């Protein structure tokens, strides 16, 4: 009876442990004259992981999501525990839209 539950639990733990193994490339970018220290999420895996489960970000730190082509996107912030600002840039690095997340009550 507990065998399937044990297998499911082990599979889940393996996914969690291996999910943290891949490195996100870090870069310094400038927003105006202000340097920002960002991780670069430029593949599906790093974009899916995003900032999930992060407890904090330092001053001028963030995560830059890079997509292969311009398109309308929806940002899913499951398990993101820190308040974030979101900004969308085009391929020429021009700010298209900035915004703040909606705050939903915790259930």
PDB file of N, CA and C in Angstrom:
ATOM      1  N   UNK A   1       0.802  -1.190   0.000  1.00  0.00           N
ATOM      2  CA  UNK A   1       0.000   0.000   0.000  1.00  0.00           C
ATOM      3  C   UNK A   1       0.852   1.265   0.000  1.00  0.00           C
ATOM      4  N   UNK A   2       1.936   1.273   0.771  1.00  0.00           N
ATOM      5  CA  UNK A   2       2.783   2.450   0.846  1.00  0.00           C
ATOM      6  C   UNK A   2       3.836   2.483  -0.257  1.00  0.00           C
ATOM      7  N   UNK A   3       4.008   1.386  -0.993  1.00  0.00           N
ATOM      8  CA  UNK A   3       5.029   1.312  -2.045  1.00  0.00           C
ATOM      9  C   UNK A   3       4.852   2.394  -3.114  1.00  0.00           C
ATOM     10  N   UNK A   4       3.650   2.595  -3.701  1.00  0.00           N
ATOM     11  CA  UNK A   4       3.504   3.660  -4.700  1.00  0.00           C
ATOM     12  C   UNK A   4       3.776   5.047  -4.116  1.00  0.00           C
ATOM     13  N   UNK A   5       3.358   5.265  -2.884  1.00  0.00           N
ATOM     14  CA  UNK A   5       3.598   6.555  -2.240  1.00  0.00           C
ATOM     15  C   UNK A   5       5.092   6.780  -2.034  1.00  0.00           C
ATOM     16  N   UNK A   6       5.821   5.740  -1.646  1.00  0.00           N
ATOM     17  CA  UNK A   6       7.265   5.842  -1.464  1.00  0.00           C
ATOM     18  C   UNK A   6       7.942   6.178  -2.785  1.00  0.00           C
ATOM     19  N   UNK A   7       7.550   5.518  -3.868  1.00  0.00           N
ATOM     20  CA  UNK A   7       8.144   5.786  -5.184  1.00  0.00           C
ATOM     21  C   UNK A   7       7.855   7.217  -5.623  1.00  0.00           C
ATOM     22  N   UNK A   8       6.632   7.657  -5.410  1.00  0.00           N
ATOM     23  CA  UNK A   8       6.266   9.020  -5.780  1.00  0.00           C
ATOM     24  C   UNK A   8       7.073  10.034  -4.971  1.00  0.00           C
ATOM     25  N   UNK A   9       7.227   9.774  -3.676  1.00  0.00           N
ATOM     26  CA  UNK A   9       8.001  10.674  -2.818  1.00  0.00           C
ATOM     27  C   UNK A   9       9.458  10.717  -3.254  1.00  0.00           C
ATOM     28  N   UNK A  10      10.050   9.563  -3.546  1.00  0.00           N
ATOM     29  CA  UNK A  10      11.444   9.523  -3.998  1.00  0.00           C
ATOM     30  C   UNK A  10      11.610  10.237  -5.335  1.00  0.00           C
ATOM     31  N   UNK A  11      10.681  10.024  -6.249  1.00  0.00           N
ATOM     32  CA  UNK A  11      10.761  10.701  -7.546  1.00  0.00           C
ATOM     33  C   UNK A  11      10.684  12.216  -7.360  1.00  0.00           C
ATOM     34  N   UNK A  12       9.806  12.663  -6.487  1.00  0.00           N
ATOM     35  CA  UNK A  12       9.662  14.094  -6.215  1.00  0.00           C
ATOM     36  C   UNK A  12      10.950  14.661  -5.619  1.00  0.00           C
ATOM     37  N   UNK A  13      11.560  13.955  -4.677  1.00  0.00           N
ATOM     38  CA  UNK A  13      12.809  14.422  -4.070  1.00  0.00           C
ATOM     39  C   UNK A  13      13.939  14.475  -5.088  1.00  0.00           C
ATOM     40  N   UNK A  14      14.013  13.496  -5.974  1.00  0.00           N
ATOM     41  CA  UNK A  14      15.044  13.501  -7.015  1.00  0.00           C
ATOM     42  C   UNK A  14      14.867  14.707  -7.923  1.00  0.00           C
ATOM     43  N   UNK A  15      13.633  14.994  -8.298  1.00  0.00           N
ATOM     44  CA  UNK A  15      13.372  16.156  -9.155  1.00  0.00           C
ATOM     45  C   UNK A  15      13.802  17.437  -8.448  1.00  0.00           C
ATOM     46  N   UNK A  16      13.496  17.559  -7.172  1.00  0.00           N
ATOM     47  CA  UNK A  16      13.878  18.759  -6.417  1.00  0.00           C
ATOM     48  C   UNK A  16      15.396  18.881  -6.344  1.00  0.00           C
ATOM     49  N   UNK A  17      16.075  17.803  -6.004  1.00  0.00           N
ATOM     50  CA  UNK A  17      17.534  17.851  -5.869  1.00  0.00           C
ATOM     51  C   UNK A  17      18.192  18.138  -7.208  1.00  0.00           C
ATOM     52  N   UNK A  18      17.794  17.443  -8.255  1.00  0.00           N
ATOM     53  CA  UNK A  18      18.405  17.655  -9.562  1.00  0.00           C
ATOM     54  C   UNK A  18      18.016  18.994 -10.154  1.00  0.00           C
ATOM     55  N   UNK A  19      16.847  19.487  -9.802  1.00  0.00           N
ATOM     56  CA  UNK A  19      16.419  20.789 -10.306  1.00  0.00           C
ATOM     57  C   UNK A  19      17.338  21.910  -9.874  1.00  0.00           C
ATOM     58  N   UNK A  20      17.971  21.777  -8.739  1.00  0.00           N
ATOM     59  CA  UNK A  20      18.884  22.805  -8.266  1.00  0.00           C
ATOM     60  C   UNK A  20      20.290  22.655  -8.789  1.00  0.00           C
ATOM     61  N   UNK A  21      20.565  21.642  -9.593  1.00  0.00           N
ATOM     62  CA  UNK A  21      21.928  21.382 -10.040  1.00  0.00           C
ATOM     63  C   UNK A  21      22.374  22.259 -11.197  1.00  0.00           C
ATOM     64  N   UNK A  22      21.485  22.653 -12.072  1.00  0.00           N
ATOM     65  CA  UNK A  22      21.926  23.421 -13.228  1.00  0.00           C
ATOM     66  C   UNK A  22      22.189  24.863 -12.820  1.00  0.00           C
ATOM     67  N   UNK A  23      23.255  25.415 -13.351  1.00  0.00           N
ATOM     68  CA  UNK A  23      23.666  26.769 -13.021  1.00  0.00           C
ATOM     69  C   UNK A  23      22.952  27.769 -13.902  1.00  0.00           C
ATOM     70  N   UNK A  24      22.588  28.895 -13.327  1.00  0.00           N
ATOM     71  CA  UNK A  24      22.071  30.010 -14.106  1.00  0.00           C
ATOM     72  C   UNK A  24      23.224  30.977 -14.289  1.00  0.00           C
ATOM     73  N   UNK A  25      23.478  31.336 -15.527  1.00  0.00           N
ATOM     74  CA  UNK A  25      24.549  32.266 -15.856  1.00  0.00           C
ATOM     75  C   UNK A  25      24.246  33.627 -15.231  1.00  0.00           C
ATOM     76  N   UNK A  26      25.266  34.280 -14.679  1.00  0.00           N
ATOM     77  CA  UNK A  26      25.091  35.592 -14.064  1.00  0.00           C
ATOM     78  C   UNK A  26      25.760  36.665 -14.903  1.00  0.00           C
ATOM     79  N   UNK A  27      25.131  37.832 -14.965  1.00  0.00           N
ATOM     80  CA  UNK A  27      25.667  38.955 -15.718  1.00  0.00           C
ATOM     81  C   UNK A  27      25.389  40.247 -14.975  1.00  0.00           C
ATOM     82  N   UNK A  28      26.145  41.274 -15.330  1.00  0.00           N
ATOM     83  CA  UNK A  28      25.878  42.625 -14.846  1.00  0.00           C
ATOM     84  C   UNK A  28      25.336  43.408 -16.031  1.00  0.00           C
ATOM     85  N   UNK A  29      24.165  44.005 -15.860  1.00  0.00           N
ATOM     86  CA  UNK A  29      23.596  44.854 -16.903  1.00  0.00           C
ATOM     87  C   UNK A  29      23.413  46.243 -16.307  1.00  0.00           C
ATOM     88  N   UNK A  30      23.235  47.232 -17.157  1.00  0.00           N
ATOM     89  CA  UNK A  30      22.991  48.587 -16.669  1.00  0.00           C
ATOM     90  C   UNK A  30      21.589  49.014 -17.054  1.00  0.00           C
ATOM     91  N   UNK A  31      20.886  49.574 -16.094  1.00  0.00           N
ATOM     92  CA  UNK A  31      19.579  50.177 -16.331  1.00  0.00           C
ATOM     93  C   UNK A  31      19.795  51.663 -16.093  1.00  0.00           C
ATOM     94  N   UNK A  32      19.950  52.397 -17.179  1.00  0.00           N
ATOM     95  CA  UNK A  32      20.424  53.774 -17.078  1.00  0.00           C
ATOM     96  C   UNK A  32      21.870  53.710 -16.624  1.00  0.00           C
ATOM     97  N   UNK A  33      22.193  54.367 -15.534  1.00  0.00           N
ATOM     98  CA  UNK A  33      23.548  54.326 -14.988  1.00  0.00           C
ATOM     99  C   UNK A  33      23.673  53.340 -13.831  1.00  0.00           C
ATOM    100  N   UNK A  34      22.590  52.650 -13.513  1.00  0.00           N
ATOM    101  CA  UNK A  34      22.577  51.770 -12.341  1.00  0.00           C
ATOM    102  C   UNK A  34      22.910  50.339 -12.754  1.00  0.00           C
ATOM    103  N   UNK A  35      23.967  49.751 -12.162  1.00  0.00           N
ATOM    104  CA  UNK A  35      24.260  48.348 -12.467  1.00  0.00           C
ATOM    105  C   UNK A  35      23.262  47.424 -11.772  1.00  0.00           C
ATOM    106  N   UNK A  36      22.862  46.394 -12.478  1.00  0.00           N
ATOM    107  CA  UNK A  36      21.980  45.369 -11.910  1.00  0.00           C
ATOM    108  C   UNK A  36      22.665  44.021 -12.087  1.00  0.00           C
ATOM    109  N   UNK A  37      22.606  43.217 -11.073  1.00  0.00           N
ATOM    110  CA  UNK A  37      23.230  41.908 -11.084  1.00  0.00           C
ATOM    111  C   UNK A  37      22.128  40.881 -11.311  1.00  0.00           C
ATOM    112  N   UNK A  38      22.163  40.243 -12.464  1.00  0.00           N
ATOM    113  CA  UNK A  38      21.052  39.375 -12.845  1.00  0.00           C
ATOM    114  C   UNK A  38      21.529  37.981 -13.215  1.00  0.00           C
ATOM    115  N   UNK A  39      20.697  37.020 -12.885  1.00  0.00           N
ATOM    116  CA  UNK A  39      20.836  35.705 -13.456  1.00  0.00           C
ATOM    117  C   UNK A  39      20.142  35.741 -14.805  1.00  0.00           C
ATOM    118  N   UNK A  40      20.589  34.922 -15.733  1.00  0.00           N
ATOM    119  CA  UNK A  40      19.994  34.898 -17.066  1.00  0.00           C
ATOM    120  C   UNK A  40      19.279  33.567 -17.250  1.00  0.00           C
ATOM    121  N   UNK A  41      17.970  33.634 -17.428  1.00  0.00           N
ATOM    122  CA  UNK A  41      17.157  32.443 -17.679  1.00  0.00           C
ATOM    123  C   UNK A  41      16.875  32.408 -19.175  1.00  0.00           C
ATOM    124  N   UNK A  42      17.699  31.670 -19.913  1.00  0.00           N
ATOM    125  CA  UNK A  42      17.585  31.683 -21.371  1.00  0.00           C
ATOM    126  C   UNK A  42      17.222  30.332 -21.968  1.00  0.00           C
ATOM    127  N   UNK A  43      16.799  29.400 -21.129  1.00  0.00           N
ATOM    128  CA  UNK A  43      16.290  28.134 -21.652  1.00  0.00           C
ATOM    129  C   UNK A  43      15.018  27.770 -20.881  1.00  0.00           C
ATOM    130  N   UNK A  44      14.293  26.811 -21.402  1.00  0.00           N
ATOM    131  CA  UNK A  44      12.989  26.462 -20.818  1.00  0.00           C
ATOM    132  C   UNK A  44      13.108  26.083 -19.348  1.00  0.00           C
ATOM    133  N   UNK A  45      14.112  25.293 -19.009  1.00  0.00           N
ATOM    134  CA  UNK A  45      14.260  24.831 -17.624  1.00  0.00           C
ATOM    135  C   UNK A  45      14.477  26.000 -16.661  1.00  0.00           C
ATOM    136  N   UNK A  46      15.391  26.888 -16.999  1.00  0.00           N
ATOM    137  CA  UNK A  46      15.668  28.003 -16.084  1.00  0.00           C
ATOM    138  C   UNK A  46      14.508  28.993 -16.039  1.00  0.00           C
ATOM    139  N   UNK A  47      13.792  29.158 -17.146  1.00  0.00           N
ATOM    140  CA  UNK A  47      12.615  30.042 -17.123  1.00  0.00           C
ATOM    141  C   UNK A  47      11.496  29.440 -16.282  1.00  0.00           C
ATOM    142  N   UNK A  48      11.303  28.134 -16.352  1.00  0.00           N
ATOM    143  CA  UNK A  48      10.270  27.484 -15.535  1.00  0.00           C
ATOM    144  C   UNK A  48      10.593  27.587 -14.049  1.00  0.00           C
ATOM    145  N   UNK A  49      11.852  27.430 -13.703  1.00  0.00           N
ATOM    146  CA  UNK A  49      12.260  27.506 -12.301  1.00  0.00           C
ATOM    147  C   UNK A  49      12.188  28.949 -11.803  1.00  0.00           C
ATOM    148  N   UNK A  50      12.613  29.882 -12.635  1.00  0.00           N
ATOM    149  CA  UNK A  50      12.528  31.298 -12.293  1.00  0.00           C
ATOM    150  C   UNK A  50      13.065  31.608 -10.913  1.00  0.00           C
ATOM    151  N   UNK A  51      12.292  32.317 -10.140  1.00  0.00           N
ATOM    152  CA  UNK A  51      12.676  32.684  -8.771  1.00  0.00           C
ATOM    153  C   UNK A  51      11.864  31.920  -7.734  1.00  0.00           C
ATOM    154  N   UNK A  52      11.319  30.781  -8.138  1.00  0.00           N
ATOM    155  CA  UNK A  52      10.538  29.972  -7.202  1.00  0.00           C
ATOM    156  C   UNK A  52      11.375  29.613  -5.980  1.00  0.00           C
ATOM    157  N   UNK A  53      10.757  29.749  -4.833  1.00  0.00           N
ATOM    158  CA  UNK A  53      11.322  29.370  -3.539  1.00  0.00           C
ATOM    159  C   UNK A  53      12.474  30.257  -3.069  1.00  0.00           C
ATOM    160  N   UNK A  54      12.799  31.320  -3.799  1.00  0.00           N
ATOM    161  CA  UNK A  54      13.823  32.255  -3.314  1.00  0.00           C
ATOM    162  C   UNK A  54      13.243  33.032  -2.144  1.00  0.00           C
ATOM    163  N   UNK A  55      14.025  33.211  -1.107  1.00  0.00           N
ATOM    164  CA  UNK A  55      13.573  33.927   0.087  1.00  0.00           C
ATOM    165  C   UNK A  55      13.883  35.416   0.008  1.00  0.00           C
ATOM    166  N   UNK A  56      14.899  35.787  -0.784  1.00  0.00           N
ATOM    167  CA  UNK A  56      15.252  37.202  -0.879  1.00  0.00           C
ATOM    168  C   UNK A  56      16.087  37.450  -2.128  1.00  0.00           C
ATOM    169  N   UNK A  57      16.119  38.703  -2.519  1.00  0.00           N
ATOM    170  CA  UNK A  57      17.021  39.196  -3.558  1.00  0.00           C
ATOM    171  C   UNK A  57      17.738  40.396  -2.970  1.00  0.00           C
ATOM    172  N   UNK A  58      19.000  40.554  -3.325  1.00  0.00           N
ATOM    173  CA  UNK A  58      19.741  41.716  -2.864  1.00  0.00           C
ATOM    174  C   UNK A  58      19.341  42.958  -3.646  1.00  0.00           C
ATOM    175  N   UNK A  59      19.883  44.089  -3.231  1.00  0.00           N
ATOM    176  CA  UNK A  59      19.634  45.351  -3.918  1.00  0.00           C
ATOM    177  C   UNK A  59      20.154  45.242  -5.348  1.00  0.00           C
ATOM    178  N   UNK A  60      19.350  45.665  -6.297  1.00  0.00           N
ATOM    179  CA  UNK A  60      19.700  45.643  -7.727  1.00  0.00           C
ATOM    180  C   UNK A  60      20.001  44.238  -8.239  1.00  0.00           C
ATOM    181  N   UNK A  61      19.370  43.230  -7.669  1.00  0.00           N
ATOM    182  CA  UNK A  61      19.500  41.867  -8.163  1.00  0.00           C
ATOM    183  C   UNK A  61      18.193  41.435  -8.804  1.00  0.00           C
ATOM    184  N   UNK A  62      18.297  40.511  -9.745  1.00  0.00           N
ATOM    185  CA  UNK A  62      17.089  40.024 -10.382  1.00  0.00           C
ATOM    186  C   UNK A  62      17.370  38.854 -11.292  1.00  0.00           C
ATOM    187  N   UNK A  63      16.381  38.520 -12.085  1.00  0.00           N
ATOM    188  CA  UNK A  63      16.488  37.439 -13.052  1.00  0.00           C
ATOM    189  C   UNK A  63      15.986  37.963 -14.380  1.00  0.00           C
ATOM    190  N   UNK A  64      16.812  37.849 -15.388  1.00  0.00           N
ATOM    191  CA  UNK A  64      16.480  38.303 -16.731  1.00  0.00           C
ATOM    192  C   UNK A  64      16.020  37.098 -17.543  1.00  0.00           C
ATOM    193  N   UNK A  65      14.773  37.120 -17.992  1.00  0.00           N
ATOM    194  CA  UNK A  65      14.221  36.046 -18.808  1.00  0.00           C
ATOM    195  C   UNK A  65      14.443  36.404 -20.270  1.00  0.00           C
ATOM    196  N   UNK A  66      15.139  35.549 -20.998  1.00  0.00           N
ATOM    197  CA  UNK A  66      15.422  35.781 -22.413  1.00  0.00           C
ATOM    198  C   UNK A  66      14.651  34.744 -23.223  1.00  0.00           C
ATOM    199  N   UNK A  67      13.884  35.219 -24.206  1.00  0.00           N
ATOM    200  CA  UNK A  67      13.089  34.337 -25.053  1.00  0.00           C
ATOM    201  C   UNK A  67      13.607  34.416 -26.483  1.00  0.00           C
ATOM    202  N   UNK A  68      13.454  33.336 -27.267  1.00  0.00           N
ATOM    203  CA  UNK A  68      14.005  33.303 -28.625  1.00  0.00           C
ATOM    204  C   UNK A  68      13.358  34.293 -29.586  1.00  0.00           C
ATOM    205  N   UNK A  69      12.108  34.702 -29.325  1.00  0.00           N
ATOM    206  CA  UNK A  69      11.463  35.674 -30.209  1.00  0.00           C
ATOM    207  C   UNK A  69      10.479  36.509 -29.404  1.00  0.00           C
ATOM    208  N   UNK A  70      10.155  37.666 -29.951  1.00  0.00           N
ATOM    209  CA  UNK A  70       9.190  38.534 -29.282  1.00  0.00           C
ATOM    210  C   UNK A  70       7.794  37.934 -29.395  1.00  0.00           C
ATOM    211  N   UNK A  71       7.071  37.940 -28.273  1.00  0.00           N
ATOM    212  CA  UNK A  71       5.693  37.462 -28.261  1.00  0.00           C
ATOM    213  C   UNK A  71       5.035  37.944 -26.979  1.00  0.00           C
ATOM    214  N   UNK A  72       3.731  37.879 -26.940  1.00  0.00           N
ATOM    215  CA  UNK A  72       3.001  38.233 -25.727  1.00  0.00           C
ATOM    216  C   UNK A  72       3.169  37.096 -24.728  1.00  0.00           C
ATOM    217  N   UNK A  73       3.535  37.448 -23.509  1.00  0.00           N
ATOM    218  CA  UNK A  73       3.818  36.450 -22.484  1.00  0.00           C
ATOM    219  C   UNK A  73       2.959  36.680 -21.250  1.00  0.00           C
ATOM    220  N   UNK A  74       2.752  35.625 -20.527  1.00  0.00           N
ATOM    221  CA  UNK A  74       2.115  35.681 -19.217  1.00  0.00           C
ATOM    222  C   UNK A  74       3.145  35.151 -18.229  1.00  0.00           C
ATOM    223  N   UNK A  75       3.347  35.866 -17.164  1.00  0.00           N
ATOM    224  CA  UNK A  75       4.341  35.460 -16.177  1.00  0.00           C
ATOM    225  C   UNK A  75       3.633  34.717 -15.051  1.00  0.00           C
ATOM    226  N   UNK A  76       4.067  33.494 -14.827  1.00  0.00           N
ATOM    227  CA  UNK A  76       3.508  32.641 -13.789  1.00  0.00           C
ATOM    228  C   UNK A  76       4.450  32.717 -12.597  1.00  0.00           C
ATOM    229  N   UNK A  77       3.960  33.115 -11.448  1.00  0.00           N
ATOM    230  CA  UNK A  77       4.825  33.346 -10.300  1.00  0.00           C
ATOM    231  C   UNK A  77       4.522  32.382  -9.162  1.00  0.00           C
ATOM    232  N   UNK A  78       4.314  31.123  -9.501  1.00  0.00           N
ATOM    233  CA  UNK A  78       4.046  30.103  -8.498  1.00  0.00           C
ATOM    234  C   UNK A  78       5.248  29.962  -7.572  1.00  0.00           C
ATOM    235  N   UNK A  79       4.993  29.934  -6.294  1.00  0.00           N
ATOM    236  CA  UNK A  79       6.018  29.748  -5.265  1.00  0.00           C
ATOM    237  C   UNK A  79       7.065  30.855  -5.230  1.00  0.00           C
ATOM    238  N   UNK A  80       6.728  32.025  -5.756  1.00  0.00           N
ATOM    239  CA  UNK A  80       7.614  33.180  -5.628  1.00  0.00           C
ATOM    240  C   UNK A  80       7.189  33.901  -4.360  1.00  0.00           C
ATOM    241  N   UNK A  81       8.094  33.952  -3.401  1.00  0.00           N
ATOM    242  CA  UNK A  81       7.753  34.443  -2.071  1.00  0.00           C
ATOM    243  C   UNK A  81       8.201  35.881  -1.830  1.00  0.00           C
ATOM    244  N   UNK A  82       8.768  36.522  -2.827  1.00  0.00           N
ATOM    245  CA  UNK A  82       9.275  37.881  -2.659  1.00  0.00           C
ATOM    246  C   UNK A  82       8.550  38.819  -3.614  1.00  0.00           C
ATOM    247  N   UNK A  83       8.346  40.070  -3.220  1.00  0.00           N
ATOM    248  CA  UNK A  83       7.689  41.014  -4.131  1.00  0.00           C
ATOM    249  C   UNK A  83       8.627  41.378  -5.279  1.00  0.00           C
ATOM    250  N   UNK A  84       8.082  41.427  -6.471  1.00  0.00           N
ATOM    251  CA  UNK A  84       8.895  41.688  -7.662  1.00  0.00           C
ATOM    252  C   UNK A  84       8.252  42.744  -8.536  1.00  0.00           C
ATOM    253  N   UNK A  85       9.074  43.449  -9.256  1.00  0.00           N
ATOM    254  CA  UNK A  85       8.622  44.282 -10.360  1.00  0.00           C
ATOM    255  C   UNK A  85       8.906  43.499 -11.631  1.00  0.00           C
ATOM    256  N   UNK A  86       8.060  43.652 -12.613  1.00  0.00           N
ATOM    257  CA  UNK A  86       8.232  42.956 -13.886  1.00  0.00           C
ATOM    258  C   UNK A  86       8.320  44.001 -14.983  1.00  0.00           C
ATOM    259  N   UNK A  87       9.278  43.830 -15.887  1.00  0.00           N
ATOM    260  CA  UNK A  87       9.421  44.751 -17.014  1.00  0.00           C
ATOM    261  C   UNK A  87       9.652  43.934 -18.278  1.00  0.00           C
ATOM    262  N   UNK A  88       9.082  44.391 -19.374  1.00  0.00           N
ATOM    263  CA  UNK A  88       9.235  43.715 -20.658  1.00  0.00           C
ATOM    264  C   UNK A  88      10.037  44.618 -21.591  1.00  0.00           C
ATOM    265  N   UNK A  89      11.054  44.039 -22.226  1.00  0.00           N
ATOM    266  CA  UNK A  89      11.908  44.761 -23.158  1.00  0.00           C
ATOM    267  C   UNK A  89      11.830  44.096 -24.521  1.00  0.00           C
ATOM    268  N   UNK A  90      12.053  44.877 -25.586  1.00  0.00           N
ATOM    269  CA  UNK A  90      12.095  44.279 -26.916  1.00  0.00           C
ATOM    270  C   UNK A  90      13.521  43.850 -27.240  1.00  0.00           C
ATOM    271  N   UNK A  91      13.725  43.347 -28.469  1.00  0.00           N
ATOM    272  CA  UNK A  91      15.045  42.844 -28.843  1.00  0.00           C
ATOM    273  C   UNK A  91      16.099  43.941 -28.904  1.00  0.00           C
ATOM    274  N   UNK A  92      15.670  45.198 -28.971  1.00  0.00           N
ATOM    275  CA  UNK A  92      16.601  46.326 -28.965  1.00  0.00           C
ATOM    276  C   UNK A  92      16.806  46.882 -27.559  1.00  0.00           C
ATOM    277  N   UNK A  93      16.334  46.148 -26.560  1.00  0.00           N
ATOM    278  CA  UNK A  93      16.457  46.504 -25.151  1.00  0.00           C
ATOM    279  C   UNK A  93      15.652  47.741 -24.765  1.00  0.00           C
ATOM    280  N   UNK A  94      14.631  48.045 -25.537  1.00  0.00           N
ATOM    281  CA  UNK A  94      13.746  49.160 -25.236  1.00  0.00           C
ATOM    282  C   UNK A  94      12.643  48.664 -24.310  1.00  0.00           C
ATOM    283  N   UNK A  95      12.366  49.439 -23.254  1.00  0.00           N
ATOM    284  CA  UNK A  95      11.311  49.074 -22.317  1.00  0.00           C
ATOM    285  C   UNK A  95       9.960  49.165 -23.009  1.00  0.00           C
ATOM    286  N   UNK A  96       9.236  48.057 -23.031  1.00  0.00           N
ATOM    287  CA  UNK A  96       7.915  47.998 -23.646  1.00  0.00           C
ATOM    288  C   UNK A  96       6.838  48.231 -22.592  1.00  0.00           C
ATOM    289  N   UNK A  97       6.962  47.559 -21.468  1.00  0.00           N
ATOM    290  CA  UNK A  97       5.946  47.680 -20.417  1.00  0.00           C
ATOM    291  C   UNK A  97       6.567  47.286 -19.084  1.00  0.00           C
ATOM    292  N   UNK A  98       6.243  48.042 -18.067  1.00  0.00           N
ATOM    293  CA  UNK A  98       6.663  47.714 -16.713  1.00  0.00           C
ATOM    294  C   UNK A  98       5.432  47.531 -15.864  1.00  0.00           C
ATOM    295  N   UNK A  99       5.565  46.812 -14.801  1.00  0.00           N
ATOM    296  CA  UNK A  99       4.399  46.617 -13.956  1.00  0.00           C
ATOM    297  C   UNK A  99       4.758  46.021 -12.625  1.00  0.00           C
ATOM    298  N   UNK A 100       3.773  45.990 -11.767  1.00  0.00           N
ATOM    299  CA  UNK A 100       3.922  45.414 -10.445  1.00  0.00           C
ATOM    300  C   UNK A 100       2.980  44.223 -10.353  1.00  0.00           C
ATOM    301  N   UNK A 101       3.368  43.201  -9.597  1.00  0.00           N
ATOM    302  CA  UNK A 101       2.491  42.032  -9.496  1.00  0.00           C
ATOM    303  C   UNK A 101       1.218  42.348  -8.723  1.00  0.00           C
ATOM    304  N   UNK A 102       0.179  41.636  -9.082  1.00  0.00           N
ATOM    305  CA  UNK A 102      -1.058  41.712  -8.301  1.00  0.00           C
ATOM    306  C   UNK A 102      -0.840  40.957  -7.000  1.00  0.00           C
ATOM    307  N   UNK A 103      -1.399  41.429  -5.944  1.00  0.00           N
ATOM    308  CA  UNK A 103      -1.239  40.763  -4.651  1.00  0.00           C
ATOM    309  C   UNK A 103      -2.526  40.025  -4.314  1.00  0.00           C
ATOM    310  N   UNK A 104      -2.436  38.725  -4.318  1.00  0.00           N
ATOM    311  CA  UNK A 104      -3.578  37.886  -3.987  1.00  0.00           C
ATOM    312  C   UNK A 104      -3.425  37.420  -2.553  1.00  0.00           C
ATOM    313  N   UNK A 105      -4.512  37.256  -1.849  1.00  0.00           N
ATOM    314  CA  UNK A 105      -4.397  36.770  -0.469  1.00  0.00           C
ATOM    315  C   UNK A 105      -3.891  35.332  -0.444  1.00  0.00           C
ATOM    316  N   UNK A 106      -3.126  35.023   0.582  1.00  0.00           N
ATOM    317  CA  UNK A 106      -2.642  33.663   0.768  1.00  0.00           C
ATOM    318  C   UNK A 106      -3.783  32.796   1.274  1.00  0.00           C
ATOM    319  N   UNK A 107      -3.895  31.614   0.699  1.00  0.00           N
ATOM    320  CA  UNK A 107      -4.966  30.693   1.109  1.00  0.00           C
ATOM    321  C   UNK A 107      -4.389  29.648   2.042  1.00  0.00           C
TER     322      UNK A 107
END
